[in-house]
Amino acid sequence: MSSKISYYTKEGLQKLKDELSFLKTKGRADMARQIAEARDKGDLSENAEYDAAKDAQGLLELKISKLEEIVSNARLIDESNIDNSKVSILSKVKLKNRKNNATVEYVLVSQEEANLKEGKISVQSPIGKGLLGKVVGDVVLIQVPAGNLEFEVLEIGR
């Protein structure tokens, strides 16, 4: 497997670790119970419920394996070393859409922590990539699936 380093906030990494712990304990215990119940229903060669439970177990183990890899390659972001003079990961950026004059605020985070409802966008997204390294006053043209967006960087903070 490739070891891709990803950067996380303290909360984001804790969330991943909590999910992994849950899957390894409660998730595996629930899966074992489902398999045992299906096994008790008779002939395993004709037991679709048993086959489904075994398939679900395989998917659970795959998810656990992927989460273990992500956690092992995760690095915490040292927020005290972030330069607020330009847009970087964990920057809170206030933008003005030059087309409709609407203002929006985003926090740039890792891909796994992105959540548009919370105003968190990935540094790997088209908007995130377009904003990296910009300073207050910069106007940036970003190509998104719906076309081109022109933003002006109004504020950068944490």
N, C-alpha and C. Protein backbone atom coordinates (compact mmCIF):
# COMPACT_ATOMS: atom_id res chain seq x y z
N MET A 1 0.83 -1.19 0.00
CA MET A 1 0.00 0.00 0.00
C MET A 1 0.87 1.25 0.00
N SER A 2 0.37 2.27 -0.66
CA SER A 2 1.12 3.52 -0.70
C SER A 2 0.93 4.25 0.63
N SER A 3 1.99 4.90 1.06
CA SER A 3 1.88 5.62 2.32
C SER A 3 1.78 7.11 2.02
N LYS A 4 0.55 7.59 1.94
CA LYS A 4 0.27 8.99 1.64
C LYS A 4 0.11 9.75 2.95
N ILE A 5 0.99 10.70 3.18
CA ILE A 5 0.93 11.51 4.39
C ILE A 5 -0.22 12.52 4.25
N SER A 6 -1.05 12.60 5.27
CA SER A 6 -2.14 13.58 5.30
C SER A 6 -2.02 14.37 6.59
N TYR A 7 -2.43 15.63 6.53
CA TYR A 7 -2.33 16.51 7.69
C TYR A 7 -3.71 16.76 8.27
N TYR A 8 -3.79 16.73 9.60
CA TYR A 8 -5.06 16.84 10.30
C TYR A 8 -4.97 17.82 11.46
N THR A 9 -6.14 18.37 11.78
CA THR A 9 -6.25 19.12 13.02
C THR A 9 -6.33 18.09 14.14
N LYS A 10 -6.16 18.54 15.36
CA LYS A 10 -6.24 17.64 16.51
C LYS A 10 -7.62 16.98 16.56
N GLU A 11 -8.68 17.76 16.33
CA GLU A 11 -10.05 17.23 16.37
C GLU A 11 -10.28 16.22 15.25
N GLY A 12 -9.80 16.53 14.06
CA GLY A 12 -9.99 15.64 12.92
C GLY A 12 -9.31 14.30 13.11
N LEU A 13 -8.09 14.32 13.64
CA LEU A 13 -7.37 13.07 13.89
C LEU A 13 -8.04 12.27 14.99
N GLN A 14 -8.52 12.95 16.02
CA GLN A 14 -9.21 12.25 17.11
C GLN A 14 -10.48 11.58 16.60
N LYS A 15 -11.19 12.24 15.71
CA LYS A 15 -12.40 11.68 15.13
C LYS A 15 -12.09 10.38 14.37
N LEU A 16 -11.00 10.38 13.60
CA LEU A 16 -10.58 9.17 12.89
C LEU A 16 -10.22 8.05 13.87
N LYS A 17 -9.48 8.39 14.91
CA LYS A 17 -9.08 7.38 15.90
C LYS A 17 -10.30 6.81 16.63
N ASP A 18 -11.27 7.67 16.94
CA ASP A 18 -12.49 7.21 17.60
C ASP A 18 -13.27 6.26 16.70
N GLU A 19 -13.38 6.59 15.43
CA GLU A 19 -14.09 5.71 14.49
C GLU A 19 -13.38 4.37 14.37
N LEU A 20 -12.06 4.39 14.29
CA LEU A 20 -11.29 3.15 14.19
C LEU A 20 -11.49 2.30 15.44
N SER A 21 -11.44 2.91 16.60
CA SER A 21 -11.64 2.19 17.86
C SER A 21 -13.03 1.57 17.91
N PHE A 22 -14.05 2.33 17.49
CA PHE A 22 -15.41 1.83 17.48
C PHE A 22 -15.55 0.62 16.56
N LEU A 23 -14.99 0.72 15.36
CA LEU A 23 -15.09 -0.38 14.40
C LEU A 23 -14.37 -1.63 14.91
N LYS A 24 -13.23 -1.44 15.56
CA LYS A 24 -12.46 -2.59 16.05
C LYS A 24 -13.13 -3.28 17.23
N THR A 25 -13.88 -2.54 18.02
CA THR A 25 -14.51 -3.13 19.20
C THR A 25 -15.97 -3.47 18.92
N LYS A 26 -16.82 -2.48 18.94
CA LYS A 26 -18.26 -2.71 18.77
C LYS A 26 -18.58 -3.25 17.38
N GLY A 27 -17.95 -2.71 16.35
CA GLY A 27 -18.20 -3.16 14.98
C GLY A 27 -17.90 -4.63 14.79
N ARG A 28 -16.74 -5.05 15.26
CA ARG A 28 -16.36 -6.47 15.14
C ARG A 28 -17.26 -7.36 16.01
N ALA A 29 -17.61 -6.90 17.20
CA ALA A 29 -18.47 -7.70 18.09
C ALA A 29 -19.85 -7.88 17.46
N ASP A 30 -20.41 -6.80 16.91
CA ASP A 30 -21.72 -6.89 16.25
C ASP A 30 -21.66 -7.85 15.05
N MET A 31 -20.58 -7.78 14.30
CA MET A 31 -20.42 -8.63 13.13
C MET A 31 -20.32 -10.10 13.55
N ALA A 32 -19.58 -10.38 14.60
CA ALA A 32 -19.45 -11.76 15.09
C ALA A 32 -20.81 -12.29 15.54
N ARG A 33 -21.59 -11.43 16.19
CA ARG A 33 -22.93 -11.83 16.64
C ARG A 33 -23.83 -12.14 15.44
N GLN A 34 -23.78 -11.31 14.39
CA GLN A 34 -24.59 -11.55 13.20
C GLN A 34 -24.21 -12.87 12.52
N ILE A 35 -22.92 -13.14 12.45
CA ILE A 35 -22.46 -14.38 11.83
C ILE A 35 -22.91 -15.58 12.66
N ALA A 36 -22.80 -15.49 13.98
CA ALA A 36 -23.22 -16.58 14.86
C ALA A 36 -24.73 -16.84 14.72
N GLU A 37 -25.53 -15.77 14.66
CA GLU A 37 -26.97 -15.93 14.50
C GLU A 37 -27.30 -16.59 13.16
N ALA A 38 -26.61 -16.18 12.12
CA ALA A 38 -26.86 -16.75 10.79
C ALA A 38 -26.42 -18.21 10.75
N ARG A 39 -25.31 -18.52 11.43
CA ARG A 39 -24.80 -19.90 11.47
C ARG A 39 -25.79 -20.83 12.17
N ASP A 40 -26.47 -20.29 13.18
CA ASP A 40 -27.42 -21.09 13.95
C ASP A 40 -28.69 -21.43 13.16
N LYS A 41 -28.87 -20.81 12.02
CA LYS A 41 -30.09 -21.03 11.24
C LYS A 41 -30.00 -22.22 10.30
N GLY A 42 -28.95 -22.99 10.38
CA GLY A 42 -28.94 -24.24 9.61
C GLY A 42 -27.79 -24.35 8.64
N ASP A 43 -28.03 -25.13 7.59
CA ASP A 43 -27.05 -25.51 6.58
C ASP A 43 -26.36 -24.28 5.99
N LEU A 44 -25.05 -24.19 6.18
CA LEU A 44 -24.30 -23.03 5.72
C LEU A 44 -24.21 -22.95 4.21
N SER A 45 -24.29 -24.09 3.51
CA SER A 45 -24.16 -24.08 2.05
C SER A 45 -25.35 -23.40 1.37
N GLU A 46 -26.48 -23.33 2.06
CA GLU A 46 -27.67 -22.70 1.47
C GLU A 46 -28.17 -21.52 2.31
N ASN A 47 -27.30 -20.96 3.10
CA ASN A 47 -27.70 -19.91 4.02
C ASN A 47 -27.23 -18.55 3.49
N ALA A 48 -28.14 -17.84 2.82
CA ALA A 48 -27.81 -16.54 2.23
C ALA A 48 -27.49 -15.51 3.32
N GLU A 49 -28.15 -15.62 4.46
CA GLU A 49 -27.91 -14.68 5.55
C GLU A 49 -26.47 -14.81 6.07
N TYR A 50 -25.98 -16.04 6.14
CA TYR A 50 -24.61 -16.29 6.57
C TYR A 50 -23.62 -15.70 5.56
N ASP A 51 -23.88 -15.95 4.25
CA ASP A 51 -23.01 -15.40 3.20
C ASP A 51 -22.96 -13.88 3.26
N ALA A 52 -24.13 -13.26 3.47
CA ALA A 52 -24.20 -11.80 3.55
C ALA A 52 -23.42 -11.28 4.76
N ALA A 53 -23.54 -11.98 5.87
CA ALA A 53 -22.83 -11.56 7.09
C ALA A 53 -21.32 -11.70 6.89
N LYS A 54 -20.88 -12.75 6.23
CA LYS A 54 -19.45 -12.93 5.97
C LYS A 54 -18.93 -11.85 5.01
N ASP A 55 -19.75 -11.50 4.00
CA ASP A 55 -19.37 -10.42 3.08
C ASP A 55 -19.26 -9.09 3.84
N ALA A 56 -20.22 -8.82 4.70
CA ALA A 56 -20.20 -7.59 5.50
C ALA A 56 -18.97 -7.56 6.41
N GLN A 57 -18.60 -8.73 6.93
CA GLN A 57 -17.41 -8.81 7.77
C GLN A 57 -16.17 -8.44 6.96
N GLY A 58 -16.09 -8.92 5.73
CA GLY A 58 -14.96 -8.59 4.86
C GLY A 58 -14.88 -7.09 4.60
N LEU A 59 -16.04 -6.47 4.36
CA LEU A 59 -16.06 -5.02 4.13
C LEU A 59 -15.65 -4.25 5.38
N LEU A 60 -16.09 -4.72 6.55
CA LEU A 60 -15.71 -4.07 7.81
C LEU A 60 -14.19 -4.14 8.00
N GLU A 61 -13.61 -5.31 7.75
CA GLU A 61 -12.16 -5.46 7.92
C GLU A 61 -11.39 -4.60 6.92
N LEU A 62 -11.94 -4.45 5.71
CA LEU A 62 -11.30 -3.59 4.71
C LEU A 62 -11.33 -2.13 5.19
N LYS A 63 -12.46 -1.70 5.73
CA LYS A 63 -12.58 -0.33 6.23
C LYS A 63 -11.62 -0.11 7.40
N ILE A 64 -11.52 -1.09 8.30
CA ILE A 64 -10.59 -0.98 9.43
C ILE A 64 -9.16 -0.86 8.90
N SER A 65 -8.82 -1.68 7.93
CA SER A 65 -7.46 -1.65 7.37
C SER A 65 -7.15 -0.29 6.75
N LYS A 66 -8.10 0.26 6.00
CA LYS A 66 -7.87 1.56 5.38
C LYS A 66 -7.73 2.66 6.43
N LEU A 67 -8.58 2.62 7.47
CA LEU A 67 -8.48 3.61 8.54
C LEU A 67 -7.16 3.50 9.29
N GLU A 68 -6.70 2.27 9.52
CA GLU A 68 -5.41 2.08 10.19
C GLU A 68 -4.28 2.70 9.38
N GLU A 69 -4.35 2.54 8.05
CA GLU A 69 -3.32 3.13 7.19
C GLU A 69 -3.37 4.66 7.25
N ILE A 70 -4.59 5.21 7.19
CA ILE A 70 -4.74 6.67 7.24
C ILE A 70 -4.20 7.21 8.56
N VAL A 71 -4.57 6.58 9.68
CA VAL A 71 -4.13 7.04 11.00
C VAL A 71 -2.61 6.92 11.12
N SER A 72 -2.04 5.83 10.60
CA SER A 72 -0.59 5.65 10.73
C SER A 72 0.19 6.67 9.90
N ASN A 73 -0.42 7.19 8.84
CA ASN A 73 0.25 8.19 8.00
C ASN A 73 -0.22 9.61 8.28
N ALA A 74 -1.00 9.79 9.33
CA ALA A 74 -1.53 11.11 9.67
C ALA A 74 -0.50 11.92 10.45
N ARG A 75 -0.49 13.20 10.18
CA ARG A 75 0.38 14.12 10.90
C ARG A 75 -0.47 15.27 11.43
N LEU A 76 -0.18 15.69 12.65
CA LEU A 76 -0.89 16.83 13.24
C LEU A 76 -0.32 18.13 12.68
N ILE A 77 -1.20 19.06 12.45
CA ILE A 77 -0.79 20.38 11.98
C ILE A 77 -0.50 21.23 13.21
N ASP A 78 0.68 21.84 13.24
CA ASP A 78 1.04 22.74 14.32
C ASP A 78 0.48 24.12 13.99
N GLU A 79 -0.65 24.45 14.61
CA GLU A 79 -1.35 25.69 14.29
C GLU A 79 -0.53 26.93 14.64
N SER A 80 0.41 26.80 15.55
CA SER A 80 1.20 27.97 15.95
C SER A 80 2.19 28.38 14.86
N ASN A 81 2.50 27.49 13.94
CA ASN A 81 3.46 27.80 12.87
C ASN A 81 2.81 28.25 11.58
N ILE A 82 1.50 28.45 11.58
CA ILE A 82 0.82 28.82 10.35
C ILE A 82 0.96 30.32 10.10
N ASP A 83 1.36 30.64 8.88
CA ASP A 83 1.55 32.03 8.46
C ASP A 83 0.19 32.58 7.99
N ASN A 84 -0.36 33.55 8.73
CA ASN A 84 -1.66 34.11 8.39
C ASN A 84 -1.60 35.20 7.32
N SER A 85 -0.41 35.48 6.79
CA SER A 85 -0.32 36.50 5.75
C SER A 85 -0.73 35.95 4.39
N LYS A 86 -0.77 34.62 4.26
CA LYS A 86 -1.20 34.02 3.00
C LYS A 86 -2.06 32.79 3.30
N VAL A 87 -2.86 32.39 2.34
CA VAL A 87 -3.78 31.27 2.52
C VAL A 87 -2.99 29.96 2.55
N SER A 88 -3.26 29.16 3.60
CA SER A 88 -2.66 27.83 3.71
C SER A 88 -3.67 26.92 4.41
N ILE A 89 -3.27 25.69 4.66
CA ILE A 89 -4.18 24.77 5.35
C ILE A 89 -4.51 25.36 6.72
N LEU A 90 -5.73 25.22 7.16
CA LEU A 90 -6.31 25.76 8.39
C LEU A 90 -6.58 27.25 8.36
N SER A 91 -6.33 27.89 7.22
CA SER A 91 -6.68 29.31 7.11
C SER A 91 -8.19 29.45 7.02
N LYS A 92 -8.70 30.47 7.72
CA LYS A 92 -10.11 30.84 7.57
C LYS A 92 -10.11 32.02 6.60
N VAL A 93 -10.72 31.81 5.46
CA VAL A 93 -10.63 32.79 4.38
C VAL A 93 -12.01 33.38 4.10
N LYS A 94 -12.07 34.71 4.08
CA LYS A 94 -13.31 35.39 3.71
C LYS A 94 -13.13 35.87 2.27
N LEU A 95 -14.07 35.46 1.42
CA LEU A 95 -13.98 35.75 -0.01
C LEU A 95 -15.19 36.53 -0.48
N LYS A 96 -14.99 37.32 -1.53
CA LYS A 96 -16.11 37.99 -2.17
C LYS A 96 -16.20 37.45 -3.59
N ASN A 97 -17.36 36.93 -3.94
CA ASN A 97 -17.61 36.48 -5.30
C ASN A 97 -17.79 37.74 -6.14
N ARG A 98 -16.91 37.96 -7.10
CA ARG A 98 -16.92 39.21 -7.88
C ARG A 98 -18.11 39.29 -8.83
N LYS A 99 -18.73 38.16 -9.11
CA LYS A 99 -19.87 38.15 -10.04
C LYS A 99 -21.15 38.65 -9.37
N ASN A 100 -21.41 38.15 -8.13
CA ASN A 100 -22.67 38.52 -7.47
C ASN A 100 -22.45 39.29 -6.16
N ASN A 101 -21.20 39.62 -5.84
CA ASN A 101 -20.82 40.37 -4.63
C ASN A 101 -21.17 39.66 -3.32
N ALA A 102 -21.48 38.38 -3.37
CA ALA A 102 -21.75 37.61 -2.15
C ALA A 102 -20.43 37.30 -1.46
N THR A 103 -20.46 37.31 -0.12
CA THR A 103 -19.25 36.93 0.61
C THR A 103 -19.46 35.56 1.24
N VAL A 104 -18.39 34.79 1.26
CA VAL A 104 -18.41 33.45 1.86
C VAL A 104 -17.16 33.30 2.70
N GLU A 105 -17.24 32.41 3.69
CA GLU A 105 -16.07 32.09 4.51
C GLU A 105 -15.84 30.60 4.47
N TYR A 106 -14.60 30.22 4.28
CA TYR A 106 -14.21 28.81 4.27
C TYR A 106 -13.00 28.63 5.16
N VAL A 107 -12.89 27.44 5.73
CA VAL A 107 -11.67 27.02 6.40
C VAL A 107 -11.08 25.92 5.54
N LEU A 108 -9.82 26.04 5.18
CA LEU A 108 -9.17 25.04 4.35
C LEU A 108 -8.64 23.92 5.24
N VAL A 109 -9.06 22.70 4.95
CA VAL A 109 -8.69 21.54 5.76
C VAL A 109 -8.25 20.40 4.85
N SER A 110 -7.84 19.28 5.45
CA SER A 110 -7.47 18.11 4.67
C SER A 110 -8.72 17.54 4.00
N GLN A 111 -8.50 16.73 3.00
CA GLN A 111 -9.62 16.16 2.25
C GLN A 111 -10.57 15.37 3.13
N GLU A 112 -10.05 14.63 4.08
CA GLU A 112 -10.89 13.79 4.95
C GLU A 112 -11.72 14.62 5.94
N GLU A 113 -11.29 15.82 6.24
CA GLU A 113 -12.01 16.66 7.20
C GLU A 113 -13.00 17.61 6.53
N ALA A 114 -12.98 17.68 5.20
CA ALA A 114 -13.84 18.62 4.49
C ALA A 114 -15.32 18.35 4.76
N ASN A 115 -16.07 19.43 4.97
CA ASN A 115 -17.51 19.35 5.21
C ASN A 115 -18.10 20.71 4.85
N LEU A 116 -18.70 20.78 3.68
CA LEU A 116 -19.19 22.06 3.18
C LEU A 116 -20.24 22.68 4.09
N LYS A 117 -21.07 21.84 4.75
CA LYS A 117 -22.09 22.36 5.66
C LYS A 117 -21.45 23.13 6.82
N GLU A 118 -20.23 22.73 7.21
CA GLU A 118 -19.52 23.40 8.29
C GLU A 118 -18.58 24.48 7.77
N GLY A 119 -18.59 24.71 6.46
CA GLY A 119 -17.72 25.72 5.87
C GLY A 119 -16.28 25.27 5.76
N LYS A 120 -16.04 23.97 5.76
CA LYS A 120 -14.69 23.42 5.65
C LYS A 120 -14.51 22.83 4.25
N ILE A 121 -13.56 23.38 3.50
CA ILE A 121 -13.30 22.84 2.17
C ILE A 121 -11.89 22.27 2.12
N SER A 122 -11.72 21.29 1.26
CA SER A 122 -10.45 20.61 1.12
C SER A 122 -9.43 21.47 0.38
N VAL A 123 -8.19 21.36 0.80
CA VAL A 123 -7.11 22.04 0.07
C VAL A 123 -6.92 21.38 -1.29
N GLN A 124 -7.50 20.19 -1.50
CA GLN A 124 -7.40 19.50 -2.79
C GLN A 124 -8.53 19.87 -3.73
N SER A 125 -9.57 20.55 -3.24
CA SER A 125 -10.69 20.95 -4.08
C SER A 125 -10.24 22.05 -5.03
N PRO A 126 -10.98 22.27 -6.13
CA PRO A 126 -10.59 23.35 -7.05
C PRO A 126 -10.47 24.72 -6.35
N ILE A 127 -11.42 25.05 -5.48
CA ILE A 127 -11.36 26.34 -4.79
C ILE A 127 -10.18 26.35 -3.81
N GLY A 128 -10.00 25.26 -3.06
CA GLY A 128 -8.88 25.18 -2.12
C GLY A 128 -7.54 25.33 -2.82
N LYS A 129 -7.35 24.61 -3.92
CA LYS A 129 -6.10 24.70 -4.68
C LYS A 129 -5.88 26.11 -5.21
N GLY A 130 -6.97 26.72 -5.68
CA GLY A 130 -6.85 28.06 -6.24
C GLY A 130 -6.51 29.12 -5.22
N LEU A 131 -6.88 28.88 -3.96
CA LEU A 131 -6.65 29.88 -2.91
C LEU A 131 -5.29 29.76 -2.24
N LEU A 132 -4.69 28.58 -2.26
CA LEU A 132 -3.41 28.37 -1.57
C LEU A 132 -2.36 29.39 -2.01
N GLY A 133 -1.74 30.03 -1.04
CA GLY A 133 -0.67 30.98 -1.30
C GLY A 133 -1.13 32.39 -1.61
N LYS A 134 -2.42 32.61 -1.73
CA LYS A 134 -2.93 33.95 -2.04
C LYS A 134 -2.89 34.83 -0.79
N VAL A 135 -2.87 36.15 -1.00
CA VAL A 135 -2.84 37.11 0.10
C VAL A 135 -4.07 38.01 0.01
N VAL A 136 -4.34 38.76 1.08
CA VAL A 136 -5.48 39.67 1.10
C VAL A 136 -5.36 40.65 -0.07
N GLY A 137 -6.47 40.82 -0.78
CA GLY A 137 -6.49 41.72 -1.93
C GLY A 137 -6.33 41.01 -3.26
N ASP A 138 -5.79 39.78 -3.24
CA ASP A 138 -5.64 39.02 -4.48
C ASP A 138 -7.00 38.70 -5.08
N VAL A 139 -7.06 38.73 -6.39
CA VAL A 139 -8.25 38.29 -7.12
C VAL A 139 -7.83 37.01 -7.84
N VAL A 140 -8.63 35.97 -7.64
CA VAL A 140 -8.27 34.68 -8.20
C VAL A 140 -9.41 34.14 -9.05
N LEU A 141 -9.08 33.61 -10.22
CA LEU A 141 -10.05 32.99 -11.11
C LEU A 141 -9.91 31.48 -10.95
N ILE A 142 -10.99 30.84 -10.51
CA ILE A 142 -10.95 29.41 -10.22
C ILE A 142 -11.92 28.67 -11.13
N GLN A 143 -11.40 27.65 -11.78
CA GLN A 143 -12.25 26.84 -12.65
C GLN A 143 -12.87 25.72 -11.83
N VAL A 144 -14.21 25.71 -11.81
CA VAL A 144 -14.97 24.68 -11.10
C VAL A 144 -15.84 23.97 -12.14
N PRO A 145 -16.42 22.83 -11.78
CA PRO A 145 -17.24 22.11 -12.76
C PRO A 145 -18.34 22.97 -13.41
N ALA A 146 -18.88 23.94 -12.66
CA ALA A 146 -19.96 24.77 -13.19
C ALA A 146 -19.45 25.94 -14.03
N GLY A 147 -18.16 26.09 -14.16
CA GLY A 147 -17.59 27.21 -14.93
C GLY A 147 -16.47 27.87 -14.16
N ASN A 148 -16.28 29.16 -14.41
CA ASN A 148 -15.22 29.91 -13.73
C ASN A 148 -15.81 30.82 -12.66
N LEU A 149 -15.16 30.87 -11.52
CA LEU A 149 -15.55 31.76 -10.44
C LEU A 149 -14.41 32.72 -10.18
N GLU A 150 -14.75 33.98 -9.94
CA GLU A 150 -13.73 34.98 -9.62
C GLU A 150 -13.96 35.46 -8.20
N PHE A 151 -12.96 35.24 -7.37
CA PHE A 151 -13.05 35.62 -5.96
C PHE A 151 -11.99 36.66 -5.63
N GLU A 152 -12.32 37.53 -4.68
CA GLU A 152 -11.35 38.43 -4.10
C GLU A 152 -11.14 38.00 -2.65
N VAL A 153 -9.89 37.88 -2.24
CA VAL A 153 -9.57 37.49 -0.87
C VAL A 153 -9.72 38.73 0.02
N LEU A 154 -10.69 38.70 0.94
CA LEU A 154 -10.95 39.85 1.83
C LEU A 154 -10.20 39.75 3.14
N GLU A 155 -10.19 38.54 3.74
CA GLU A 155 -9.54 38.36 5.04
C GLU A 155 -8.95 36.96 5.12
N ILE A 156 -7.87 36.86 5.88
CA ILE A 156 -7.25 35.57 6.17
C ILE A 156 -7.04 35.51 7.67
N GLY A 157 -7.51 34.46 8.29
CA GLY A 157 -7.33 34.31 9.73
C GLY A 157 -7.27 32.86 10.13
N ARG A 158 -7.45 32.63 11.42
CA ARG A 158 -7.46 31.26 11.94
C ARG A 158 -8.71 30.98 12.67
